[in-house]
Every structure is written in structure tokens, then in C-alpha cells.
Full PDB file with SEQRES, HELIX, SHEET, SSBOND, CRYST1, ORIGX, SCALE, CONECT and MASTER records, all heavy atoms in Angstrom:
SEQRES   1 A   38  SER GLY SER ARG ARG TRP SER ASP LEU ARG SER PRO GLN          
SEQRES   2 A   38  SER VAL LEU ALA VAL ALA VAL VAL VAL SER LEU PRO GLU          
SEQRES   3 A   38  GLN LEU THR HIS VAL TYR ARG ASN GLY VAL ARG ILE              
HELIX    1 AA1 ASP A    8  ARG A   10  5                                   3    
SHEET    1 AA1 3 VAL A  18  SER A  23  0                                        
SHEET    2 AA1 3 LEU A  28  ARG A  33 -1                                        
SHEET    3 AA1 3 VAL A  36  ARG A  37 -1                                        
CRYST1    1.000    1.000    1.000  90.00  90.00  90.00 P 1           1          
ORIGX1      1.000000  0.000000  0.000000        0.00000                         
ORIGX2      0.000000  1.000000  0.000000        0.00000                         
ORIGX3      0.000000  0.000000  1.000000        0.00000                         
SCALE1      1.000000  0.000000  0.000000        0.00000                         
SCALE2      0.000000  1.000000  0.000000        0.00000                         
SCALE3      0.000000  0.000000  1.000000        0.00000                         
ATOM      1  N   SER A   1     105.202 107.297  87.162  1.00  0.00           N  
ATOM      2  CA  SER A   1     105.038 106.066  87.941  1.00  0.00           C  
ATOM      3  C   SER A   1     106.227 105.827  88.858  1.00  0.00           C  
ATOM      4  O   SER A   1     106.195 104.943  89.698  1.00  0.00           O  
ATOM      5  CB  SER A   1     104.856 104.868  87.009  1.00  0.00           C  
ATOM      6  OG  SER A   1     106.015 104.685  86.210  1.00  0.00           O  
ATOM      7  N   GLY A   2     107.298 106.626  88.692  1.00  0.00           N  
ATOM      8  CA  GLY A   2     108.452 106.537  89.564  1.00  0.00           C  
ATOM      9  C   GLY A   2     109.263 105.277  89.330  1.00  0.00           C  
ATOM     10  O   GLY A   2     108.998 104.477  88.446  1.00  0.00           O  
ATOM     11  N   SER A   3     110.324 105.112  90.109  1.00  0.00           N  
ATOM     12  CA  SER A   3     111.113 103.885  90.080  1.00  0.00           C  
ATOM     13  C   SER A   3     111.280 103.404  91.509  1.00  0.00           C  
ATOM     14  O   SER A   3     111.331 104.200  92.440  1.00  0.00           O  
ATOM     15  CB  SER A   3     112.475 104.123  89.419  1.00  0.00           C  
ATOM     16  OG  SER A   3     113.190 105.139  90.080  1.00  0.00           O  
ATOM     17  N   ARG A   4     111.368 102.091  91.699  1.00  0.00           N  
ATOM     18  CA  ARG A   4     111.343 101.551  93.047  1.00  0.00           C  
ATOM     19  C   ARG A   4     111.970 100.161  93.066  1.00  0.00           C  
ATOM     20  O   ARG A   4     112.085  99.499  92.048  1.00  0.00           O  
ATOM     21  CB  ARG A   4     109.923 101.482  93.596  1.00  0.00           C  
ATOM     22  CG  ARG A   4     108.970 100.577  92.799  1.00  0.00           C  
ATOM     23  CD  ARG A   4     108.288 101.292  91.669  1.00  0.00           C  
ATOM     24  NE  ARG A   4     107.314 100.452  91.000  1.00  0.00           N  
ATOM     25  CZ  ARG A   4     106.870 100.686  89.772  1.00  0.00           C  
ATOM     26  NH1 ARG A   4     107.311 101.711  89.089  1.00  0.00           N  
ATOM     27  NH2 ARG A   4     105.958  99.898  89.229  1.00  0.00           N  
ATOM     28  N   ARG A   5     112.371  99.735  94.262  1.00  0.00           N  
ATOM     29  CA  ARG A   5     112.922  98.403  94.452  1.00  0.00           C  
ATOM     30  C   ARG A   5     112.391  97.859  95.768  1.00  0.00           C  
ATOM     31  O   ARG A   5     112.347  98.571  96.775  1.00  0.00           O  
ATOM     32  CB  ARG A   5     114.454  98.458  94.487  1.00  0.00           C  
ATOM     33  CG  ARG A   5     115.115  97.101  94.686  1.00  0.00           C  
ATOM     34  CD  ARG A   5     116.624  97.213  94.758  1.00  0.00           C  
ATOM     35  NE  ARG A   5     117.186  97.693  93.499  1.00  0.00           N  
ATOM     36  CZ  ARG A   5     117.882  98.817  93.384  1.00  0.00           C  
ATOM     37  NH1 ARG A   5     118.086  99.565  94.439  1.00  0.00           N  
ATOM     38  NH2 ARG A   5     118.355  99.196  92.224  1.00  0.00           N  
ATOM     39  N   TRP A   6     111.999  96.608  95.786  1.00  0.00           N  
ATOM     40  CA  TRP A   6     111.466  95.989  97.011  1.00  0.00           C  
ATOM     41  C   TRP A   6     111.941  94.548  97.059  1.00  0.00           C  
ATOM     42  O   TRP A   6     111.699  93.777  96.134  1.00  0.00           O  
ATOM     43  CB  TRP A   6     109.943  96.048  97.024  1.00  0.00           C  
ATOM     44  CG  TRP A   6     109.347  95.743  98.370  1.00  0.00           C  
ATOM     45  CD1 TRP A   6     109.229  94.527  98.967  1.00  0.00           C  
ATOM     46  CD2 TRP A   6     108.809  96.683  99.283  1.00  0.00           C  
ATOM     47  NE1 TRP A   6     108.649  94.656 100.197  1.00  0.00           N  
ATOM     48  CE2 TRP A   6     108.372  95.967 100.418  1.00  0.00           C  
ATOM     49  CE3 TRP A   6     108.645  98.068  99.266  1.00  0.00           C  
ATOM     50  CZ2 TRP A   6     107.781  96.583 101.518  1.00  0.00           C  
ATOM     51  CZ3 TRP A   6     108.059  98.681 100.351  1.00  0.00           C  
ATOM     52  CH2 TRP A   6     107.626  97.944 101.469  1.00  0.00           C  
ATOM     53  N   SER A   7     112.619  94.162  98.115  1.00  0.00           N  
ATOM     54  CA  SER A   7     113.125  92.805  98.246  1.00  0.00           C  
ATOM     55  C   SER A   7     113.055  92.378  99.700  1.00  0.00           C  
ATOM     56  O   SER A   7     113.977  92.613 100.468  1.00  0.00           O  
ATOM     57  CB  SER A   7     114.568  92.708  97.737  1.00  0.00           C  
ATOM     58  OG  SER A   7     115.047  91.383  97.839  1.00  0.00           O  
ATOM     59  N   ASP A   8     111.977  91.732 100.088  1.00  0.00           N  
ATOM     60  CA  ASP A   8     111.802  91.333 101.483  1.00  0.00           C  
ATOM     61  C   ASP A   8     112.635  90.111 101.845  1.00  0.00           C  
ATOM     62  O   ASP A   8     112.670  89.697 102.993  1.00  0.00           O  
ATOM     63  CB  ASP A   8     110.331  91.094 101.806  1.00  0.00           C  
ATOM     64  CG  ASP A   8     109.772  89.858 101.118  1.00  0.00           C  
ATOM     65  OD1 ASP A   8     110.296  89.521 100.049  1.00  0.00           O  
ATOM     66  OD2 ASP A   8     108.828  89.260 101.641  1.00  0.00           O  
ATOM     67  N   LEU A   9     113.324  89.503 100.878  1.00  0.00           N  
ATOM     68  CA  LEU A   9     114.155  88.338 101.171  1.00  0.00           C  
ATOM     69  C   LEU A   9     115.426  88.728 101.922  1.00  0.00           C  
ATOM     70  O   LEU A   9     116.146  87.873 102.425  1.00  0.00           O  
ATOM     71  CB  LEU A   9     114.532  87.617  99.871  1.00  0.00           C  
ATOM     72  CG  LEU A   9     113.345  87.060  99.074  1.00  0.00           C  
ATOM     73  CD1 LEU A   9     113.846  86.363  97.822  1.00  0.00           C  
ATOM     74  CD2 LEU A   9     112.522  86.099  99.928  1.00  0.00           C  
ATOM     75  N   ARG A  10     115.714  90.034 101.994  1.00  0.00           N  
ATOM     76  CA  ARG A  10     116.908  90.471 102.710  1.00  0.00           C  
ATOM     77  C   ARG A  10     116.774  90.281 104.214  1.00  0.00           C  
ATOM     78  O   ARG A  10     117.750  90.266 104.926  1.00  0.00           O  
ATOM     79  CB  ARG A  10     117.164  91.958 102.418  1.00  0.00           C  
ATOM     80  CG  ARG A  10     117.761  92.213 101.055  1.00  0.00           C  
ATOM     81  CD  ARG A  10     117.945  93.694 100.834  1.00  0.00           C  
ATOM     82  NE  ARG A  10     118.646  93.951  99.575  1.00  0.00           N  
ATOM     83  CZ  ARG A  10     118.679  95.126  98.987  1.00  0.00           C  
ATOM     84  NH1 ARG A  10     118.055  96.149  99.543  1.00  0.00           N  
ATOM     85  NH2 ARG A  10     119.339  95.298  97.862  1.00  0.00           N  
ATOM     86  N   SER A  11     115.537  90.208 104.694  1.00  0.00           N  
ATOM     87  CA  SER A  11     115.315  90.025 106.124  1.00  0.00           C  
ATOM     88  C   SER A  11     114.273  88.932 106.294  1.00  0.00           C  
ATOM     89  O   SER A  11     113.225  88.976 105.649  1.00  0.00           O  
ATOM     90  CB  SER A  11     114.818  91.332 106.752  1.00  0.00           C  
ATOM     91  OG  SER A  11     114.764  91.243 108.143  1.00  0.00           O  
ATOM     92  N   PRO A  12     114.529  87.930 107.133  1.00  0.00           N  
ATOM     93  CA  PRO A  12     113.631  86.773 107.239  1.00  0.00           C  
ATOM     94  C   PRO A  12     112.215  87.158 107.631  1.00  0.00           C  
ATOM     95  O   PRO A  12     111.993  88.153 108.314  1.00  0.00           O  
ATOM     96  CB  PRO A  12     114.296  85.922 108.324  1.00  0.00           C  
ATOM     97  CG  PRO A  12     115.709  86.374 108.361  1.00  0.00           C  
ATOM     98  CD  PRO A  12     115.679  87.825 108.010  1.00  0.00           C  
ATOM     99  N   GLN A  13     111.261  86.344 107.211  1.00  0.00           N  
ATOM    100  CA  GLN A  13     109.857  86.586 107.539  1.00  0.00           C  
ATOM    101  C   GLN A  13     109.620  86.313 109.022  1.00  0.00           C  
ATOM    102  O   GLN A  13     109.795  85.208 109.503  1.00  0.00           O  
ATOM    103  CB  GLN A  13     108.967  85.677 106.698  1.00  0.00           C  
ATOM    104  CG  GLN A  13     107.481  85.874 106.966  1.00  0.00           C  
ATOM    105  CD  GLN A  13     106.656  85.005 106.051  1.00  0.00           C  
ATOM    106  OE1 GLN A  13     107.170  84.444 105.093  1.00  0.00           O  
ATOM    107  NE2 GLN A  13     105.378  84.886 106.331  1.00  0.00           N  
ATOM    108  N   SER A  14     109.249  87.328 109.762  1.00  0.00           N  
ATOM    109  CA  SER A  14     108.965  87.211 111.194  1.00  0.00           C  
ATOM    110  C   SER A  14     108.433  88.540 111.679  1.00  0.00           C  
ATOM    111  O   SER A  14     108.283  89.484 110.916  1.00  0.00           O  
ATOM    112  CB  SER A  14     110.227  86.824 111.976  1.00  0.00           C  
ATOM    113  OG  SER A  14     111.217  87.811 111.826  1.00  0.00           O  
ATOM    114  N   VAL A  15     108.133  88.621 112.967  1.00  0.00           N  
ATOM    115  CA  VAL A  15     107.654  89.879 113.542  1.00  0.00           C  
ATOM    116  C   VAL A  15     108.873  90.731 113.875  1.00  0.00           C  
ATOM    117  O   VAL A  15     109.531  90.527 114.885  1.00  0.00           O  
ATOM    118  CB  VAL A  15     106.807  89.627 114.809  1.00  0.00           C  
ATOM    119  CG1 VAL A  15     106.318  90.942 115.381  1.00  0.00           C  
ATOM    120  CG2 VAL A  15     105.621  88.738 114.463  1.00  0.00           C  
ATOM    121  N   LEU A  16     109.186  91.663 112.998  1.00  0.00           N  
ATOM    122  CA  LEU A  16     110.378  92.481 113.148  1.00  0.00           C  
ATOM    123  C   LEU A  16     110.034  93.955 112.986  1.00  0.00           C  
ATOM    124  O   LEU A  16     108.973  94.305 112.490  1.00  0.00           O  
ATOM    125  CB  LEU A  16     111.427  92.073 112.108  1.00  0.00           C  
ATOM    126  CG  LEU A  16     111.958  90.639 112.219  1.00  0.00           C  
ATOM    127  CD1 LEU A  16     112.804  90.306 111.003  1.00  0.00           C  
ATOM    128  CD2 LEU A  16     112.773  90.466 113.482  1.00  0.00           C  
ATOM    129  N   ALA A  17     110.971  94.804 113.392  1.00  0.00           N  
ATOM    130  CA  ALA A  17     110.742  96.240 113.356  1.00  0.00           C  
ATOM    131  C   ALA A  17     110.688  96.760 111.919  1.00  0.00           C  
ATOM    132  O   ALA A  17     111.559  96.459 111.119  1.00  0.00           O  
ATOM    133  CB  ALA A  17     111.848  96.943 114.125  1.00  0.00           C  
ATOM    134  N   VAL A  18     109.676  97.558 111.623  1.00  0.00           N  
ATOM    135  CA  VAL A  18     109.559  98.220 110.334  1.00  0.00           C  
ATOM    136  C   VAL A  18     109.626  99.719 110.563  1.00  0.00           C  
ATOM    137  O   VAL A  18     108.999 100.243 111.492  1.00  0.00           O  
ATOM    138  CB  VAL A  18     108.243  97.852 109.625  1.00  0.00           C  
ATOM    139  CG1 VAL A  18     108.018  98.729 108.394  1.00  0.00           C  
ATOM    140  CG2 VAL A  18     108.245  96.388 109.222  1.00  0.00           C  
ATOM    141  N   ALA A  19     110.419 100.403 109.754  1.00  0.00           N  
ATOM    142  CA  ALA A  19     110.571 101.843 109.874  1.00  0.00           C  
ATOM    143  C   ALA A  19     110.749 102.432 108.479  1.00  0.00           C  
ATOM    144  O   ALA A  19     111.165 101.741 107.543  1.00  0.00           O  
ATOM    145  CB  ALA A  19     111.761 102.195 110.757  1.00  0.00           C  
ATOM    146  N   VAL A  20     110.433 103.728 108.335  1.00  0.00           N  
ATOM    147  CA  VAL A  20     110.500 104.414 107.046  1.00  0.00           C  
ATOM    148  C   VAL A  20     111.354 105.669 107.196  1.00  0.00           C  
ATOM    149  O   VAL A  20     111.221 106.396 108.186  1.00  0.00           O  
ATOM    150  CB  VAL A  20     109.091 104.801 106.547  1.00  0.00           C  
ATOM    151  CG1 VAL A  20     109.172 105.518 105.199  1.00  0.00           C  
ATOM    152  CG2 VAL A  20     108.190 103.568 106.452  1.00  0.00           C  
ATOM    153  N   VAL A  21     112.230 105.918 106.229  1.00  0.00           N  
ATOM    154  CA  VAL A  21     113.026 107.139 106.195  1.00  0.00           C  
ATOM    155  C   VAL A  21     112.810 107.805 104.844  1.00  0.00           C  
ATOM    156  O   VAL A  21     113.037 107.182 103.795  1.00  0.00           O  
ATOM    157  CB  VAL A  21     114.523 106.868 106.415  1.00  0.00           C  
ATOM    158  CG1 VAL A  21     115.319 108.178 106.329  1.00  0.00           C  
ATOM    159  CG2 VAL A  21     114.759 106.196 107.763  1.00  0.00           C  
ATOM    160  N   VAL A  22     112.358 109.054 104.852  1.00  0.00           N  
ATOM    161  CA  VAL A  22     112.151 109.830 103.632  1.00  0.00           C  
ATOM    162  C   VAL A  22     113.254 110.879 103.550  1.00  0.00           C  
ATOM    163  O   VAL A  22     113.425 111.689 104.460  1.00  0.00           O  
ATOM    164  CB  VAL A  22     110.771 110.515 103.625  1.00  0.00           C  
ATOM    165  CG1 VAL A  22     110.603 111.356 102.357  1.00  0.00           C  
ATOM    166  CG2 VAL A  22     109.657 109.489 103.753  1.00  0.00           C  
ATOM    167  N   SER A  23     114.017 110.871 102.457  1.00  0.00           N  
ATOM    168  CA  SER A  23     115.068 111.858 102.242  1.00  0.00           C  
ATOM    169  C   SER A  23     114.565 112.917 101.280  1.00  0.00           C  
ATOM    170  O   SER A  23     114.330 112.644 100.101  1.00  0.00           O  
ATOM    171  CB  SER A  23     116.318 111.188 101.673  1.00  0.00           C  
ATOM    172  OG  SER A  23     117.257 112.175 101.256  1.00  0.00           O  
ATOM    173  N   LEU A  24     114.376 114.138 101.776  1.00  0.00           N  
ATOM    174  CA  LEU A  24     113.914 115.231 100.917  1.00  0.00           C  
ATOM    175  C   LEU A  24     114.966 115.613  99.873  1.00  0.00           C  
ATOM    176  O   LEU A  24     114.621 115.831  98.709  1.00  0.00           O  
ATOM    177  CB  LEU A  24     113.531 116.447 101.767  1.00  0.00           C  
ATOM    178  CG  LEU A  24     112.396 116.234 102.775  1.00  0.00           C  
ATOM    179  CD1 LEU A  24     112.061 117.555 103.468  1.00  0.00           C  
ATOM    180  CD2 LEU A  24     111.158 115.665 102.113  1.00  0.00           C  
ATOM    181  N   PRO A  25     116.258 115.711 100.230  1.00  0.00           N  
ATOM    182  CA  PRO A  25     117.251 116.074  99.207  1.00  0.00           C  
ATOM    183  C   PRO A  25     117.334 115.054  98.077  1.00  0.00           C  
ATOM    184  O   PRO A  25     117.502 115.418  96.912  1.00  0.00           O  
ATOM    185  CB  PRO A  25     118.569 116.133  99.992  1.00  0.00           C  
ATOM    186  CG  PRO A  25     118.171 116.371 101.403  1.00  0.00           C  
ATOM    187  CD  PRO A  25     116.866 115.639 101.564  1.00  0.00           C  
ATOM    188  N   GLU A  26     117.223 113.763  98.419  1.00  0.00           N  
ATOM    189  CA  GLU A  26     117.333 112.714  97.406  1.00  0.00           C  
ATOM    190  C   GLU A  26     116.008 112.412  96.727  1.00  0.00           C  
ATOM    191  O   GLU A  26     115.981 111.758  95.680  1.00  0.00           O  
ATOM    192  CB  GLU A  26     117.855 111.425  98.042  1.00  0.00           C  
ATOM    193  CG  GLU A  26     119.291 111.480  98.494  1.00  0.00           C  
ATOM    194  CD  GLU A  26     119.805 110.122  98.955  1.00  0.00           C  
ATOM    195  OE1 GLU A  26     118.988 109.275  99.366  1.00  0.00           O  
ATOM    196  OE2 GLU A  26     121.008 109.918  98.887  1.00  0.00           O  
ATOM    197  N   GLN A  27     114.891 112.871  97.341  1.00  0.00           N  
ATOM    198  CA  GLN A  27     113.553 112.506  96.863  1.00  0.00           C  
ATOM    199  C   GLN A  27     113.419 110.981  96.767  1.00  0.00           C  
ATOM    200  O   GLN A  27     112.965 110.425  95.755  1.00  0.00           O  
ATOM    201  CB  GLN A  27     113.247 113.166  95.520  1.00  0.00           C  
ATOM    202  CG  GLN A  27     113.071 114.675  95.590  1.00  0.00           C  
ATOM    203  CD  GLN A  27     111.782 115.082  96.319  1.00  0.00           C  
ATOM    204  OE1 GLN A  27     110.692 115.035  95.752  1.00  0.00           O  
ATOM    205  NE2 GLN A  27     111.923 115.498  97.578  1.00  0.00           N  
ATOM    206  N   LEU A  28     113.820 110.328  97.859  1.00  0.00           N  
ATOM    207  CA  LEU A  28     113.739 108.876  97.953  1.00  0.00           C  
ATOM    208  C   LEU A  28     113.089 108.483  99.274  1.00  0.00           C  
ATOM    209  O   LEU A  28     113.269 109.151 100.294  1.00  0.00           O  
ATOM    210  CB  LEU A  28     115.134 108.236  97.873  1.00  0.00           C  
ATOM    211  CG  LEU A  28     115.872 108.300  96.536  1.00  0.00           C  
ATOM    212  CD1 LEU A  28     117.278 107.726  96.694  1.00  0.00           C  
ATOM    213  CD2 LEU A  28     115.113 107.553  95.446  1.00  0.00           C  
ATOM    214  N   THR A  29     112.338 107.392  99.251  1.00  0.00           N  
ATOM    215  CA  THR A  29     111.738 106.816 100.452  1.00  0.00           C  
ATOM    216  C   THR A  29     112.330 105.430 100.675  1.00  0.00           C  
ATOM    217  O   THR A  29     112.297 104.578  99.777  1.00  0.00           O  
ATOM    218  CB  THR A  29     110.212 106.715 100.310  1.00  0.00           C  
ATOM    219  OG1 THR A  29     109.660 108.035 100.190  1.00  0.00           O  
ATOM    220  CG2 THR A  29     109.593 106.026 101.525  1.00  0.00           C  
ATOM    221  N   HIS A  30     112.877 105.206 101.872  1.00  0.00           N  
ATOM    222  CA  HIS A  30     113.520 103.946 102.220  1.00  0.00           C  
ATOM    223  C   HIS A  30     112.685 103.229 103.280  1.00  0.00           C  
ATOM    224  O   HIS A  30     112.209 103.856 104.226  1.00  0.00           O  
ATOM    225  CB  HIS A  30     114.919 104.183 102.792  1.00  0.00           C  
ATOM    226  CG  HIS A  30     115.809 105.001 101.900  1.00  0.00           C  
ATOM    227  ND1 HIS A  30     116.807 104.450 101.139  1.00  0.00           N  
ATOM    228  CD2 HIS A  30     115.843 106.342 101.651  1.00  0.00           C  
ATOM    229  CE1 HIS A  30     117.432 105.396 100.463  1.00  0.00           C  
ATOM    230  NE2 HIS A  30     116.869 106.559 100.761  1.00  0.00           N  
ATOM    231  N   VAL A  31     112.516 101.922 103.128  1.00  0.00           N  
ATOM    232  CA  VAL A  31     111.779 101.113 104.102  1.00  0.00           C  
ATOM    233  C   VAL A  31     112.741 100.094 104.697  1.00  0.00           C  
ATOM    234  O   VAL A  31     113.434  99.382 103.961  1.00  0.00           O  
ATOM    235  CB  VAL A  31     110.581 100.394 103.450  1.00  0.00           C  
ATOM    236  CG1 VAL A  31     109.793  99.607 104.504  1.00  0.00           C  
ATOM    237  CG2 VAL A  31     109.671 101.387 102.741  1.00  0.00           C  
ATOM    238  N   TYR A  32     112.759 100.037 106.041  1.00  0.00           N  
ATOM    239  CA  TYR A  32     113.668  99.135 106.748  1.00  0.00           C  
ATOM    240  C   TYR A  32     112.880  98.153 107.600  1.00  0.00           C  
ATOM    241  O   TYR A  32     111.833  98.493 108.148  1.00  0.00           O  
ATOM    242  CB  TYR A  32     114.617  99.923 107.656  1.00  0.00           C  
ATOM    243  CG  TYR A  32     115.584 100.807 106.900  1.00  0.00           C  
ATOM    244  CD1 TYR A  32     115.213 102.093 106.506  1.00  0.00           C  
ATOM    245  CD2 TYR A  32     116.847 100.349 106.573  1.00  0.00           C  
ATOM    246  CE1 TYR A  32     116.092 102.895 105.809  1.00  0.00           C  
ATOM    247  CE2 TYR A  32     117.742 101.148 105.875  1.00  0.00           C  
ATOM    248  CZ  TYR A  32     117.355 102.420 105.490  1.00  0.00           C  
ATOM    249  OH  TYR A  32     118.225 103.212 104.783  1.00  0.00           O  
ATOM    250  N   ARG A  33     113.402  96.940 107.687  1.00  0.00           N  
ATOM    251  CA  ARG A  33     112.864  95.981 108.632  1.00  0.00           C  
ATOM    252  C   ARG A  33     114.029  95.384 109.398  1.00  0.00           C  
ATOM    253  O   ARG A  33     114.982  94.882 108.797  1.00  0.00           O  
ATOM    254  CB  ARG A  33     112.081  94.868 107.921  1.00  0.00           C  
ATOM    255  CG  ARG A  33     111.341  93.972 108.917  1.00  0.00           C  
ATOM    256  CD  ARG A  33     110.513  92.901 108.224  1.00  0.00           C  
ATOM    257  NE  ARG A  33     111.357  92.004 107.478  1.00  0.00           N  
ATOM    258  CZ  ARG A  33     110.988  91.471 106.317  1.00  0.00           C  
ATOM    259  NH1 ARG A  33     109.836  91.781 105.794  1.00  0.00           N  
ATOM    260  NH2 ARG A  33     111.794  90.636 105.689  1.00  0.00           N  
ATOM    261  N   ASN A  34     113.946  95.509 110.720  1.00  0.00           N  
ATOM    262  CA  ASN A  34     115.035  95.042 111.585  1.00  0.00           C  
ATOM    263  C   ASN A  34     116.361  95.706 111.229  1.00  0.00           C  
ATOM    264  O   ASN A  34     117.419  95.097 111.341  1.00  0.00           O  
ATOM    265  CB  ASN A  34     115.170  93.522 111.500  1.00  0.00           C  
ATOM    266  CG  ASN A  34     115.806  92.949 112.749  1.00  0.00           C  
ATOM    267  OD1 ASN A  34     115.619  93.449 113.849  1.00  0.00           O  
ATOM    268  ND2 ASN A  34     116.563  91.885 112.575  1.00  0.00           N  
ATOM    269  N   GLY A  35     116.291  96.968 110.790  1.00  0.00           N  
ATOM    270  CA  GLY A  35     117.491  97.726 110.483  1.00  0.00           C  
ATOM    271  C   GLY A  35     118.065  97.504 109.110  1.00  0.00           C  
ATOM    272  O   GLY A  35     119.062  98.134 108.739  1.00  0.00           O  
ATOM    273  N   VAL A  36     117.466  96.608 108.310  1.00  0.00           N  
ATOM    274  CA  VAL A  36     117.951  96.303 106.962  1.00  0.00           C  
ATOM    275  C   VAL A  36     116.956  96.835 105.937  1.00  0.00           C  
ATOM    276  O   VAL A  36     115.747  96.626 106.070  1.00  0.00           O  
ATOM    277  CB  VAL A  36     118.142  94.787 106.770  1.00  0.00           C  
ATOM    278  CG1 VAL A  36     118.594  94.471 105.349  1.00  0.00           C  
ATOM    279  CG2 VAL A  36     119.142  94.244 107.780  1.00  0.00           C  
ATOM    280  N   ARG A  37     117.465  97.523 104.920  1.00  0.00           N  
ATOM    281  CA  ARG A  37     116.566  98.096 103.912  1.00  0.00           C  
ATOM    282  C   ARG A  37     115.956  97.011 103.046  1.00  0.00           C  
ATOM    283  O   ARG A  37     116.662  96.192 102.460  1.00  0.00           O  
ATOM    284  CB  ARG A  37     117.327  99.093 103.035  1.00  0.00           C  
ATOM    285  CG  ARG A  37     116.408  99.866 102.089  1.00  0.00           C  
ATOM    286  CD  ARG A  37     117.141 100.976 101.391  1.00  0.00           C  
ATOM    287  NE  ARG A  37     118.194 100.469 100.518  1.00  0.00           N  
ATOM    288  CZ  ARG A  37     119.148 101.250  99.990  1.00  0.00           C  
ATOM    289  NH1 ARG A  37     119.186 102.547 100.276  1.00  0.00           N  
ATOM    290  NH2 ARG A  37     120.064 100.721  99.204  1.00  0.00           N  
ATOM    291  N   ILE A  38     114.630  97.017 102.973  1.00  0.00           N  
ATOM    292  CA  ILE A  38     113.923  96.049 102.135  1.00  0.00           C  
ATOM    293  C   ILE A  38     113.227  96.722 100.959  1.00  0.00           C  
ATOM    294  O   ILE A  38     112.754  96.047 100.048  1.00  0.00           O  
ATOM    295  CB  ILE A  38     112.883  95.251 102.952  1.00  0.00           C  
ATOM    296  CG1 ILE A  38     111.856  96.189 103.591  1.00  0.00           C  
ATOM    297  CG2 ILE A  38     113.581  94.380 103.987  1.00  0.00           C  
ATOM    298  CD1 ILE A  38     110.681  95.479 104.217  1.00  0.00           C  
TER     299      ILE A  38                                                      
MASTER        0    0    0    1    3    0    0    6  298    1    0    3          
END                                                                             
């Protein structure tokens, strides 16, 4: 089931940029909104 963390309170609710970075060496997926990891 993996392990994960999600906290959208780090960036205010609004129409902001969302982007995803997948690191193959770390086997981790990072989600960013407005440049801040959520």
C-alpha cells in the first residue's frame, strides 16, 4: 500500500500551478502546487 504524505494546507486554496516530479532513484513521487510540495 506504500507510504505517503499529503498536506494541501501548505499552499492556499486557489487556482495555482500543479506539477509532478517522479524520482526513479528514490522511488518517490512529489506533487507541487505553486512551487511548494503538497
